[in-house]
Protein backbone atom coordinates (compact mmCIF):
# COMPACT_ATOMS: atom_id res chain seq x y z
CA MET A 1 -0.08 -1.65 -13.87
CA SER A 2 0.30 -3.07 -10.29
CA GLU A 3 3.72 -3.94 -10.52
CA ILE A 4 4.69 -0.34 -10.36
CA GLU A 5 8.00 -0.18 -8.50
CA GLU A 6 9.28 3.11 -9.43
CA ILE A 7 7.23 6.35 -10.22
CA THR A 8 9.18 8.12 -12.83
CA ASP A 9 7.55 11.08 -15.18
CA SER A 10 5.40 8.21 -17.48
CA VAL A 11 3.46 6.86 -14.67
CA ILE A 12 2.93 10.51 -13.21
CA LEU A 13 1.52 11.35 -16.64
CA ALA A 14 -0.73 7.67 -16.80
CA TYR A 15 -2.04 9.00 -13.46
CA LEU A 16 -2.95 12.56 -14.69
CA ASN A 17 -4.72 10.64 -17.64
CA LYS A 18 -6.46 8.10 -15.07
CA GLU A 19 -5.00 5.22 -16.59
CA LEU A 20 -3.87 3.55 -13.58
CA SER A 21 -5.74 1.23 -11.33
CA ASN A 22 -7.02 1.88 -8.32
CA GLU A 23 -4.17 0.59 -6.16
CA ASP A 24 -1.65 2.39 -8.41
CA MET A 25 -3.51 5.70 -8.02
CA ILE A 26 -2.96 5.12 -4.14
CA LYS A 27 0.82 4.43 -4.62
CA VAL A 28 1.05 7.42 -6.46
CA ASP A 29 -1.12 9.14 -3.89
CA LEU A 30 1.34 7.55 -0.85
CA TRP A 31 4.60 8.56 -2.94
CA LEU A 32 3.26 12.26 -3.05
CA ALA A 33 3.11 12.30 0.63
CA ARG A 34 7.16 10.99 1.23
CA SER A 35 8.59 14.60 0.53
CA SER A 36 8.41 17.79 -1.19
CA ALA A 37 10.89 16.84 -4.17
CA ASN A 38 8.26 14.08 -5.15
CA MET A 39 5.61 16.93 -5.48
CA ALA A 40 8.11 19.09 -7.12
CA GLN A 41 8.73 16.23 -9.85
CA PHE A 42 4.67 15.79 -9.49
CA ASN A 43 3.76 19.66 -10.35
CA GLU A 44 6.74 19.79 -13.30
CA VAL A 45 5.31 16.88 -15.26
CA ARG A 46 1.54 18.50 -14.64
CA ARG A 47 2.45 21.44 -15.88
CA SER A 48 3.89 20.22 -18.86
CA TRP A 49 0.94 17.87 -19.35
CA LYS A 50 -1.13 20.69 -18.57
CA LYS A 51 0.21 22.81 -21.16
CA LYS A 52 -0.20 20.09 -24.03
CA SER A 53 -3.61 19.48 -23.06
CA SER A 54 -4.33 23.29 -23.48
CA LYS A 55 -2.37 23.71 -26.84
CA LEU A 56 -4.52 20.30 -28.27
CA SER A 57 -7.30 22.33 -27.16
CA GLU A 58 -6.82 25.10 -28.88
CA GLU A 59 -5.68 23.47 -32.01
CA LEU A 60 -8.98 21.41 -32.09
CA GLU A 61 -11.29 24.34 -31.47
CA SER A 62 -9.64 26.35 -34.35
CA ARG A 63 -10.01 23.35 -36.50
CA ASN A 64 -13.64 23.38 -35.48
CA PHE A 65 -14.12 27.11 -36.16
CA LYS A 66 -12.30 27.02 -39.82
CA ASP A 67 -14.91 24.10 -40.72
CA ASN A 68 -17.74 25.78 -39.46
CA SER A 69 -16.93 29.00 -40.82
CA SER A 70 -18.51 28.83 -44.14
CA TYR A 71 -21.97 27.80 -43.10
CA GLU A 72 -24.42 30.08 -41.73
CA ALA A 73 -25.86 29.60 -38.80
CA LYS A 74 -29.75 29.45 -38.49
CA PRO A 75 -31.89 29.50 -35.62
CA ILE A 76 -33.34 25.85 -34.98
CA ASN A 77 -37.29 25.67 -34.12
CA ARG A 78 -37.75 23.14 -31.80
CA PRO A 79 -41.10 22.78 -29.19
CA ALA A 80 -40.72 23.66 -25.65
CA ASP A 81 -40.51 20.14 -24.67
CA GLN A 82 -37.86 19.43 -27.03
CA ARG A 83 -36.04 22.33 -25.68
CA ALA A 84 -36.22 21.32 -22.05
CA GLN A 85 -34.93 17.92 -22.73
CA SER A 86 -31.85 19.12 -24.40
CA LYS A 87 -31.12 21.48 -21.25
CA ASN A 88 -31.35 18.28 -19.11
CA LYS A 89 -29.30 16.34 -21.14
CA GLY A 90 -26.62 18.96 -21.21
CA ALA A 91 -27.18 19.13 -17.12
CA LYS A 92 -27.09 15.59 -17.38
CA SER A 93 -23.58 15.73 -19.59
CA VAL A 94 -22.08 17.91 -17.28
CA ALA A 95 -22.79 15.60 -13.90
CA ILE A 96 -21.53 12.28 -15.52
CA LEU A 97 -18.42 14.76 -16.17
CA ALA A 98 -17.99 15.83 -12.26
CA ALA A 99 -18.65 12.59 -11.34
CA THR A 100 -15.93 10.82 -13.72
CA ALA A 101 -13.67 13.25 -11.99
CA ALA A 102 -14.43 12.19 -8.50
CA ILE A 103 -14.53 8.36 -9.46
CA GLY A 104 -10.52 8.57 -9.72
CA VAL A 105 -10.29 9.45 -6.16
CA ILE A 106 -13.11 7.82 -4.12
CA GLY A 107 -12.08 4.34 -6.53
CA ALA A 108 -8.48 4.90 -5.16
CA LEU A 109 -9.58 4.95 -1.69
CA MET A 110 -12.49 2.15 -1.81
CA VAL A 111 -9.95 -0.36 -3.23
CA PHE A 112 -8.97 -1.42 -0.21
CA PHE A 113 -12.67 -1.63 1.22
CA VAL A 114 -13.02 -5.08 0.30
CA ALA A 115 -10.87 -6.20 3.22
CA ASP A 116 -12.30 -9.44 4.96
CA GLU A 117 -14.16 -8.30 7.50
CA GLU A 118 -13.12 -11.23 10.19
CA LYS A 119 -9.20 -9.35 9.89
CA MET A 120 -11.29 -6.50 10.29
CA GLU A 121 -12.84 -7.37 13.60
CA GLU A 122 -9.60 -8.86 14.76
CA SER A 123 -7.93 -5.24 14.34
CA ARG A 124 -10.97 -3.63 16.43
CA GLU A 125 -11.41 -3.89 19.98
CA GLU A 126 -13.70 -1.32 22.63
CA ILE A 127 -11.28 0.75 25.37
CA SER A 128 -13.49 0.09 28.25
CA SER A 129 -11.97 3.21 30.20
CA SER A 130 -12.63 5.77 27.41
CA GLY A 131 -15.80 3.80 25.53
CA MET A 132 -13.32 4.72 22.50
CA LEU A 133 -12.68 1.94 20.04
CA GLU A 134 -9.37 1.11 18.45
CA LEU A 135 -8.37 0.02 15.11
CA VAL A 136 -4.71 -1.10 14.78
CA ALA A 137 -2.59 -1.73 11.60
CA SER A 138 -0.04 -4.37 12.27
CA GLY A 139 1.61 -6.18 9.54
CA GLU A 140 -1.52 -4.80 7.11
CA THR A 141 -3.72 -2.32 6.20
CA VAL A 142 -6.89 -2.18 7.69
CA THR A 143 -10.39 -0.59 6.90
CA GLU A 144 -13.47 0.96 8.62
CA VAL A 145 -16.35 2.47 7.89
CA LEU A 146 -17.26 4.83 10.77
CA SER A 147 -20.70 5.83 12.14
CA ASP A 148 -21.37 8.83 10.30
CA GLY A 149 -20.27 6.86 6.66
CA SER A 150 -16.68 8.37 6.82
CA LYS A 151 -14.56 5.65 5.83
CA VAL A 152 -10.75 5.38 7.01
CA VAL A 153 -7.74 3.19 5.84
CA LEU A 154 -5.35 2.42 8.11
CA LEU A 155 -1.61 1.77 7.22
CA ASP A 156 0.96 -0.61 8.93
CA ASN A 157 2.03 0.42 12.21
CA SER A 158 -0.70 3.01 13.10
CA THR A 159 -3.75 3.70 15.68
CA LEU A 160 -6.76 5.17 14.94
CA LEU A 161 -9.16 5.61 18.04
CA TYR A 162 -12.90 6.65 17.55
CA PRO A 163 -16.19 6.68 19.37
CA PRO A 164 -18.93 4.16 18.36
CA GLU A 165 -21.27 6.80 17.64
CA PHE A 166 -20.34 10.62 17.37
CA ASP A 167 -22.45 13.51 19.01
CA ASN A 168 -24.23 16.09 17.87
CA THR A 169 -21.84 19.04 17.61
CA GLU A 170 -18.28 17.27 16.52
CA ARG A 171 -17.11 14.15 15.02
CA ARG A 172 -13.73 13.33 16.64
CA VAL A 173 -10.84 10.92 16.50
CA SER A 174 -7.24 10.65 17.21
CA LEU A 175 -4.78 9.20 14.60
CA VAL A 176 -1.16 8.04 15.47
CA GLY A 177 0.56 6.45 12.38
CA GLU A 178 -0.55 7.18 8.70
CA CYS A 179 -3.99 7.00 7.50
CA VAL A 180 -6.46 7.68 4.23
CA PHE A 181 -9.63 9.27 5.04
CA ASP A 182 -12.69 9.88 2.77
CA VAL A 183 -14.79 12.08 5.22
CA LEU A 184 -18.51 13.04 4.37
CA GLY A 185 -18.92 16.84 5.10
CA GLU A 186 -21.11 18.54 7.40
CA LEU A 187 -20.74 22.01 8.17
CA ARG A 188 -22.61 22.01 11.73
CA ARG A 189 -20.64 18.94 12.91
CA PRO A 190 -16.93 19.19 11.83
CA PHE A 191 -15.16 16.11 11.67
CA ILE A 192 -11.94 16.60 13.82
CA VAL A 193 -8.73 14.25 13.62
CA GLU A 194 -6.25 14.91 16.73
CA LEU A 195 -2.62 14.34 15.79
CA PRO A 196 0.50 14.23 18.12
CA HIS A 197 2.20 17.14 19.42
CA ASP A 198 -1.20 18.77 20.04
CA ALA A 199 -1.85 18.99 15.92
CA PHE A 200 -5.32 18.42 14.66
CA LEU A 201 -7.15 18.51 11.48
CA GLU A 202 -10.69 20.05 10.87
CA VAL A 203 -12.77 19.02 8.15
CA PHE A 204 -16.21 20.20 6.89
CA ASP A 205 -16.61 19.34 3.90
CA ASP A 206 -16.47 16.32 1.56
CA ALA A 207 -12.69 15.64 1.79
CA ALA A 208 -10.74 12.85 0.73
CA PHE A 209 -7.02 13.15 2.27
CA ASP A 210 -3.83 11.25 3.40
CA VAL A 211 -2.09 11.60 6.79
CA MET A 212 1.24 11.13 8.04
CA ALA A 213 1.77 11.54 11.60
CA TYR A 214 3.98 9.67 13.47
CA GLU A 215 5.27 10.52 17.35
CA GLU A 216 8.99 9.93 16.29
CA GLU A 217 8.84 12.09 12.96
CA ASP A 218 9.71 15.82 12.86
CA GLU A 219 7.15 16.71 10.79
CA ILE A 220 3.29 15.84 9.73
CA THR A 221 2.35 15.80 6.39
CA VAL A 222 -1.34 15.68 4.81
CA VAL A 223 -1.94 15.30 1.11
CA VAL A 224 -5.16 16.29 0.12
CA SER A 225 -7.19 14.36 -2.88
CA SER A 226 -10.25 16.34 -3.08
CA GLY A 227 -11.61 18.88 -1.05
CA SER A 228 -10.19 20.96 2.11
CA VAL A 229 -8.73 20.52 5.07
CA TYR A 230 -7.49 23.01 7.94
CA LEU A 231 -4.29 21.93 9.49
CA ASN A 232 -3.70 23.69 12.81
CA SER A 233 -0.75 23.55 14.98
CA ASP A 234 -0.04 25.55 18.42
CA LYS A 235 1.71 28.38 16.55
CA ASP A 236 -0.50 28.08 12.87
CA VAL A 237 -3.02 26.86 10.76
CA GLN A 238 -3.43 26.53 7.19
CA LEU A 239 -6.10 25.66 4.51
CA ILE A 240 -4.84 22.53 2.74
CA GLU A 241 -6.83 22.24 -0.63
CA GLU A 242 -6.98 19.50 -3.97
CA SER A 243 -3.86 18.38 -4.81
CA GLU A 244 -1.58 20.30 -2.33
CA ILE A 245 0.26 19.15 0.64
CA GLY A 246 0.27 20.64 4.12
CA THR A 247 3.59 19.71 6.07
CA LEU A 248 3.70 21.07 10.15
CA ASP A 249 7.56 21.27 11.41
CA ILE A 250 7.11 20.09 14.80
CA ALA A 251 9.87 22.09 16.36
CA SER A 252 8.74 25.44 15.07
CA GLY A 253 4.93 24.71 14.59
CA ALA A 254 5.26 26.24 11.28
CA ILE A 255 2.85 24.83 8.37
CA GLU A 256 4.02 24.99 4.94
CA VAL A 257 1.75 24.13 1.74
CA LEU A 258 3.03 22.96 -1.46
CA GLY A 259 1.26 22.30 -4.57
CA GLY A 260 -1.84 23.61 -5.91
């Protein structure tokens, strides 16, 4: 469905059911970041989707209960090694389900990491005065893998400054524009994103999120796909969790969190 031009309710349902391509998953994420009205439409569709899913699950459980109610439960005696294998299979099934859920987010991010390496090199140059590297997106999306393994997708008309190597106390970068981050969590070495107007983000755990922070705009927007992110202004700080959108009003310094 790479030909998506408009985010309709049917597209949102396909997004929730993970039926979209990685590229189109990103398109929906970016659409969510553009306005609170988009998020409100998304939440309305998601509520209806959850109700239908819950109702279907209840019907299936009821049907299974009726089908099995006529049978007497009998203990199954299995050797200890077979019971251990059964437990291991159950644990593996849970792990597979968790991994499948994560693929939707990480896969959507990874779709941009097939950019031509030569083009990436052209967009990256060292700032000798500060020792920082500058990643510039001008006319196209560019990507980079940072020294800690975290990944960034920088969108058009945006700039990211970052060090060749992070130090032992923190991982600090600076963004002007829009960027999708896939951050590897480190409790003892937080990932910090400096933003315009003295705002900044703090990340301690694994997290995937999109940030829109342009100098000329009157607000900063953060959309969290997985994990959690702290958005800070000089007057407020708010935790933004998975499926939530945080908006910082530049004039007042107030932060509002929507969704969830």
